[in-house]
């Protein structure tokens, strides 16, 4: 095989490898958007934390309603669990 043929085969292999990586990445390929800066990552993390807290409170209220528990009982239970180290 001459050098040109080797180079052509190498390029074909390289293209096939790049295509396989693109498929593994879910089709994102080489034109992925630039990395987010630290401020926007922190803002997004805070938004996600607020949403998780909102969903937790919503589920807790639904359970309290379902089991007819007053907030004082739930508060006492949470304090007890914290003191025993059962929750962080």
C-alpha atoms as a PDB file:
ATOM      1  CA  UNK A   1       0.000   0.000   0.000  1.00  0.00           C
ATOM      2  CA  UNK A   2       1.419   3.389  -0.893  1.00  0.00           C
ATOM      3  CA  UNK A   3       1.392   6.389   1.463  1.00  0.00           C
ATOM      4  CA  UNK A   4      -1.637   8.022  -0.170  1.00  0.00           C
ATOM      5  CA  UNK A   5      -3.697   4.868   0.230  1.00  0.00           C
ATOM      6  CA  UNK A   6      -2.670   4.604   3.891  1.00  0.00           C
ATOM      7  CA  UNK A   7      -3.613   8.230   4.462  1.00  0.00           C
ATOM      8  CA  UNK A   8      -6.998   7.730   2.782  1.00  0.00           C
ATOM      9  CA  UNK A   9      -7.715   4.645   4.915  1.00  0.00           C
ATOM     10  CA  UNK A  10      -6.671   6.551   8.037  1.00  0.00           C
ATOM     11  CA  UNK A  11      -9.059   9.409   7.180  1.00  0.00           C
ATOM     12  CA  UNK A  12     -11.909   6.968   6.597  1.00  0.00           C
ATOM     13  CA  UNK A  13     -11.197   5.308   9.922  1.00  0.00           C
ATOM     14  CA  UNK A  14     -10.984   8.690  11.643  1.00  0.00           C
ATOM     15  CA  UNK A  15     -14.317   9.768  10.126  1.00  0.00           C
ATOM     16  CA  UNK A  16     -15.967   6.514  11.183  1.00  0.00           C
ATOM     17  CA  UNK A  17     -14.599   6.907  14.701  1.00  0.00           C
ATOM     18  CA  UNK A  18     -15.855  10.510  14.901  1.00  0.00           C
ATOM     19  CA  UNK A  19     -19.292   9.426  13.711  1.00  0.00           C
ATOM     20  CA  UNK A  20     -19.425   6.655  16.327  1.00  0.00           C
ATOM     21  CA  UNK A  21     -18.510   9.125  19.066  1.00  0.00           C
ATOM     22  CA  UNK A  22     -21.172  11.499  17.803  1.00  0.00           C
ATOM     23  CA  UNK A  23     -23.784   8.746  18.061  1.00  0.00           C
ATOM     24  CA  UNK A  24     -22.633   7.816  21.568  1.00  0.00           C
ATOM     25  CA  UNK A  25     -22.974  11.442  22.641  1.00  0.00           C
ATOM     26  CA  UNK A  26     -26.569  11.442  21.502  1.00  0.00           C
ATOM     27  CA  UNK A  27     -25.859  13.163  18.256  1.00  0.00           C
ATOM     28  CA  UNK A  28     -24.248  16.216  19.830  1.00  0.00           C
ATOM     29  CA  UNK A  29     -21.121  15.953  17.692  1.00  0.00           C
ATOM     30  CA  UNK A  30     -18.439  18.577  17.465  1.00  0.00           C
ATOM     31  CA  UNK A  31     -20.724  21.595  17.373  1.00  0.00           C
ATOM     32  CA  UNK A  32     -21.731  21.433  21.029  1.00  0.00           C
ATOM     33  CA  UNK A  33     -22.489  24.743  22.734  1.00  0.00           C
ATOM     34  CA  UNK A  34     -19.719  26.305  24.805  1.00  0.00           C
ATOM     35  CA  UNK A  35     -19.485  25.444  28.474  1.00  0.00           C
ATOM     36  CA  UNK A  36     -21.665  27.515  30.753  1.00  0.00           C
ATOM     37  CA  UNK A  37     -19.861  29.973  32.950  1.00  0.00           C
ATOM     38  CA  UNK A  38     -19.679  29.457  36.711  1.00  0.00           C
ATOM     39  CA  UNK A  39     -22.318  32.108  37.462  1.00  0.00           C
ATOM     40  CA  UNK A  40     -24.961  30.555  35.216  1.00  0.00           C
ATOM     41  CA  UNK A  41     -24.172  27.073  36.551  1.00  0.00           C
ATOM     42  CA  UNK A  42     -24.602  28.350  40.119  1.00  0.00           C
ATOM     43  CA  UNK A  43     -27.858  30.105  39.205  1.00  0.00           C
ATOM     44  CA  UNK A  44     -29.190  26.930  37.604  1.00  0.00           C
ATOM     45  CA  UNK A  45     -28.132  24.880  40.636  1.00  0.00           C
ATOM     46  CA  UNK A  46     -29.975  27.290  42.926  1.00  0.00           C
ATOM     47  CA  UNK A  47     -33.107  27.132  40.762  1.00  0.00           C
ATOM     48  CA  UNK A  48     -33.016  23.330  40.838  1.00  0.00           C
ATOM     49  CA  UNK A  49     -32.600  23.354  44.630  1.00  0.00           C
ATOM     50  CA  UNK A  50     -35.569  25.698  45.032  1.00  0.00           C
ATOM     51  CA  UNK A  51     -37.663  23.451  42.791  1.00  0.00           C
ATOM     52  CA  UNK A  52     -36.650  20.323  44.763  1.00  0.00           C
ATOM     53  CA  UNK A  53     -37.593  22.067  47.991  1.00  0.00           C
ATOM     54  CA  UNK A  54     -40.941  23.159  46.557  1.00  0.00           C
ATOM     55  CA  UNK A  55     -41.726  19.611  45.402  1.00  0.00           C
ATOM     56  CA  UNK A  56     -40.707  18.172  48.791  1.00  0.00           C
ATOM     57  CA  UNK A  57     -42.993  20.600  50.610  1.00  0.00           C
ATOM     58  CA  UNK A  58     -45.820  19.789  48.223  1.00  0.00           C
ATOM     59  CA  UNK A  59     -45.417  16.031  48.818  1.00  0.00           C
ATOM     60  CA  UNK A  60     -45.140  16.558  52.577  1.00  0.00           C
ATOM     61  CA  UNK A  61     -48.355  18.607  52.675  1.00  0.00           C
ATOM     62  CA  UNK A  62     -50.146  15.939  50.629  1.00  0.00           C
ATOM     63  CA  UNK A  63     -49.015  13.212  53.045  1.00  0.00           C
ATOM     64  CA  UNK A  64     -49.971  15.317  56.066  1.00  0.00           C
ATOM     65  CA  UNK A  65     -53.417  15.826  54.567  1.00  0.00           C
ATOM     66  CA  UNK A  66     -53.807  12.155  53.651  1.00  0.00           C
ATOM     67  CA  UNK A  67     -52.887  10.973  57.161  1.00  0.00           C
ATOM     68  CA  UNK A  68     -54.577  13.899  58.949  1.00  0.00           C
ATOM     69  CA  UNK A  69     -51.372  14.992  60.692  1.00  0.00           C
ATOM     70  CA  UNK A  70     -51.060  18.504  62.128  1.00  0.00           C
ATOM     71  CA  UNK A  71     -47.903  20.450  61.312  1.00  0.00           C
ATOM     72  CA  UNK A  72     -46.870  20.374  65.002  1.00  0.00           C
ATOM     73  CA  UNK A  73     -46.702  16.559  64.952  1.00  0.00           C
ATOM     74  CA  UNK A  74     -44.650  16.534  61.769  1.00  0.00           C
ATOM     75  CA  UNK A  75     -42.330  19.211  63.157  1.00  0.00           C
ATOM     76  CA  UNK A  76     -41.775  17.176  66.335  1.00  0.00           C
ATOM     77  CA  UNK A  77     -41.086  14.062  64.269  1.00  0.00           C
ATOM     78  CA  UNK A  78     -38.556  15.914  62.085  1.00  0.00           C
ATOM     79  CA  UNK A  79     -36.732  17.344  65.124  1.00  0.00           C
ATOM     80  CA  UNK A  80     -36.584  13.892  66.705  1.00  0.00           C
ATOM     81  CA  UNK A  81     -35.191  12.340  63.520  1.00  0.00           C
ATOM     82  CA  UNK A  82     -32.570  15.101  63.281  1.00  0.00           C
ATOM     83  CA  UNK A  83     -31.525  14.585  66.913  1.00  0.00           C
ATOM     84  CA  UNK A  84     -31.198  10.841  66.375  1.00  0.00           C
ATOM     85  CA  UNK A  85     -29.127  11.398  63.241  1.00  0.00           C
ATOM     86  CA  UNK A  86     -31.647   9.614  61.037  1.00  0.00           C
ATOM     87  CA  UNK A  87     -31.777  12.471  58.552  1.00  0.00           C
ATOM     88  CA  UNK A  88     -29.220  15.054  57.545  1.00  0.00           C
END
